[in-house]
Amino acid sequence: MSETRGRIDLPKFREVHKEQRERAKAGPEGYTLVQRAVIRLVEDQLKEARVGEYTIQCDEAKSRRGGGKAPSPLQYFVAAAGF
């Protein structure tokens, strides 16, 4: 197990932050970020999203008439708040 697990690599973090500040000084295009998700319905409430190079799924719990095969949209939202 890595000794850095659960810790922020401060030198790397500072370098990324410095690069972002330099890009921002170049003008508003330094702040531009475009994200796109392509969503498809797989079955019932099970959906699949392609975001960049990643594919993720979301579903609803069986109690909400979903299949319970993946986290719900609300569960993703709660996790995102922690990220």
C-alpha atoms as a PDB file:
ATOM      1  CA  MET A   1       0.000   0.000   0.000  1.00  0.00           C
ATOM      2  CA  SER A   2       1.307   3.428  -0.921  1.00  0.00           C
ATOM      3  CA  GLU A   3       2.358   5.741   1.910  1.00  0.00           C
ATOM      4  CA  THR A   4       0.791   8.702   0.072  1.00  0.00           C
ATOM      5  CA  ARG A   5      -2.678   7.182  -0.037  1.00  0.00           C
ATOM      6  CA  GLY A   6      -5.205   9.657   1.321  1.00  0.00           C
ATOM      7  CA  ARG A   7      -2.748  12.540   1.173  1.00  0.00           C
ATOM      8  CA  ILE A   8      -2.507  15.416  -1.258  1.00  0.00           C
ATOM      9  CA  ASP A   9       0.757  15.679  -3.177  1.00  0.00           C
ATOM     10  CA  LEU A  10       1.359  19.354  -2.312  1.00  0.00           C
ATOM     11  CA  PRO A  11       4.216  20.017  -4.787  1.00  0.00           C
ATOM     12  CA  LYS A  12       2.106  18.581  -7.624  1.00  0.00           C
ATOM     13  CA  PHE A  13      -0.969  20.520  -6.456  1.00  0.00           C
ATOM     14  CA  ARG A  14       1.016  23.777  -6.348  1.00  0.00           C
ATOM     15  CA  GLU A  15       2.432  23.183  -9.837  1.00  0.00           C
ATOM     16  CA  VAL A  16      -1.023  22.551 -11.323  1.00  0.00           C
ATOM     17  CA  HIS A  17      -2.374  25.650  -9.552  1.00  0.00           C
ATOM     18  CA  LYS A  18       0.518  27.739 -10.901  1.00  0.00           C
ATOM     19  CA  GLU A  19      -0.123  26.505 -14.461  1.00  0.00           C
ATOM     20  CA  GLN A  20      -3.825  27.355 -14.154  1.00  0.00           C
ATOM     21  CA  ARG A  21      -3.024  30.888 -12.941  1.00  0.00           C
ATOM     22  CA  GLU A  22      -0.670  31.432 -15.894  1.00  0.00           C
ATOM     23  CA  ARG A  23      -3.321  30.261 -18.381  1.00  0.00           C
ATOM     24  CA  ALA A  24      -5.890  32.564 -16.764  1.00  0.00           C
ATOM     25  CA  LYS A  25      -3.578  35.555 -17.215  1.00  0.00           C
ATOM     26  CA  ALA A  26      -3.662  34.922 -20.976  1.00  0.00           C
ATOM     27  CA  GLY A  27      -7.343  35.863 -21.080  1.00  0.00           C
ATOM     28  CA  PRO A  28     -10.829  34.392 -20.694  1.00  0.00           C
ATOM     29  CA  GLU A  29      -9.995  31.408 -22.895  1.00  0.00           C
ATOM     30  CA  GLY A  30      -7.815  30.217 -20.026  1.00  0.00           C
ATOM     31  CA  TYR A  31     -11.018  29.615 -18.055  1.00  0.00           C
ATOM     32  CA  THR A  32     -12.892  27.759 -20.780  1.00  0.00           C
ATOM     33  CA  LEU A  33     -13.772  24.167 -19.976  1.00  0.00           C
ATOM     34  CA  VAL A  34     -16.141  22.139 -22.130  1.00  0.00           C
ATOM     35  CA  GLN A  35     -17.599  18.849 -20.936  1.00  0.00           C
ATOM     36  CA  ARG A  36     -19.984  16.672 -22.870  1.00  0.00           C
ATOM     37  CA  ALA A  37     -21.914  13.580 -21.847  1.00  0.00           C
ATOM     38  CA  VAL A  38     -23.704  11.237 -24.227  1.00  0.00           C
ATOM     39  CA  ILE A  39     -26.505   9.426 -22.414  1.00  0.00           C
ATOM     40  CA  ARG A  40     -28.423   6.356 -23.530  1.00  0.00           C
ATOM     41  CA  LEU A  41     -31.246   4.442 -21.910  1.00  0.00           C
ATOM     42  CA  VAL A  42     -30.202   0.812 -21.449  1.00  0.00           C
ATOM     43  CA  GLU A  43     -33.390  -0.581 -19.873  1.00  0.00           C
ATOM     44  CA  ASP A  44     -36.137   0.612 -17.533  1.00  0.00           C
ATOM     45  CA  GLN A  45     -34.342   3.278 -15.440  1.00  0.00           C
ATOM     46  CA  LEU A  46     -30.791   2.038 -16.112  1.00  0.00           C
ATOM     47  CA  LYS A  47     -28.871   4.677 -18.058  1.00  0.00           C
ATOM     48  CA  GLU A  48     -25.331   4.769 -19.410  1.00  0.00           C
ATOM     49  CA  ALA A  49     -23.274   7.920 -19.881  1.00  0.00           C
ATOM     50  CA  ARG A  50     -20.107   8.385 -21.886  1.00  0.00           C
ATOM     51  CA  VAL A  51     -18.090  11.283 -20.498  1.00  0.00           C
ATOM     52  CA  GLY A  52     -14.742  11.720 -22.186  1.00  0.00           C
ATOM     53  CA  GLU A  53     -12.967   8.396 -21.984  1.00  0.00           C
ATOM     54  CA  TYR A  54     -15.194   7.075 -19.184  1.00  0.00           C
ATOM     55  CA  THR A  55     -18.451   5.138 -19.237  1.00  0.00           C
ATOM     56  CA  ILE A  56     -20.641   5.241 -16.144  1.00  0.00           C
ATOM     57  CA  GLN A  57     -24.091   3.903 -15.350  1.00  0.00           C
ATOM     58  CA  CYS A  58     -26.856   5.039 -13.050  1.00  0.00           C
ATOM     59  CA  ASP A  59     -30.045   3.333 -11.977  1.00  0.00           C
ATOM     60  CA  GLU A  60     -32.685   3.691  -9.317  1.00  0.00           C
ATOM     61  CA  ALA A  61     -33.134   1.419  -6.319  1.00  0.00           C
ATOM     62  CA  LYS A  62     -35.569  -1.485  -6.615  1.00  0.00           C
ATOM     63  CA  SER A  63     -37.803   0.351  -4.128  1.00  0.00           C
ATOM     64  CA  ARG A  64     -38.111   3.121  -6.750  1.00  0.00           C
ATOM     65  CA  ARG A  65     -38.871   0.584  -9.505  1.00  0.00           C
ATOM     66  CA  GLY A  66     -35.313   0.557 -10.785  1.00  0.00           C
ATOM     67  CA  GLY A  67     -33.039  -2.422 -11.128  1.00  0.00           C
ATOM     68  CA  GLY A  68     -30.564  -1.384  -8.433  1.00  0.00           C
ATOM     69  CA  LYS A  69     -27.693  -2.179 -10.817  1.00  0.00           C
ATOM     70  CA  ALA A  70     -25.794   1.094 -10.337  1.00  0.00           C
ATOM     71  CA  PRO A  71     -25.806   4.167  -8.076  1.00  0.00           C
ATOM     72  CA  SER A  72     -28.758   6.530  -8.428  1.00  0.00           C
ATOM     73  CA  PRO A  73     -28.344  10.065  -9.787  1.00  0.00           C
ATOM     74  CA  LEU A  74     -28.742  11.385  -6.220  1.00  0.00           C
ATOM     75  CA  GLN A  75     -25.979   9.072  -4.976  1.00  0.00           C
ATOM     76  CA  TYR A  76     -23.660  10.411  -7.698  1.00  0.00           C
ATOM     77  CA  PHE A  77     -24.575  13.957  -6.691  1.00  0.00           C
ATOM     78  CA  VAL A  78     -23.795  13.284  -3.019  1.00  0.00           C
ATOM     79  CA  ALA A  79     -20.468  11.685  -3.938  1.00  0.00           C
ATOM     80  CA  ALA A  80     -19.616  14.626  -6.215  1.00  0.00           C
ATOM     81  CA  ALA A  81     -20.101  17.039  -3.328  1.00  0.00           C
ATOM     82  CA  GLY A  82     -17.368  15.129  -1.494  1.00  0.00           C
ATOM     83  CA  PHE A  83     -14.975  15.251  -4.414  1.00  0.00           C
END
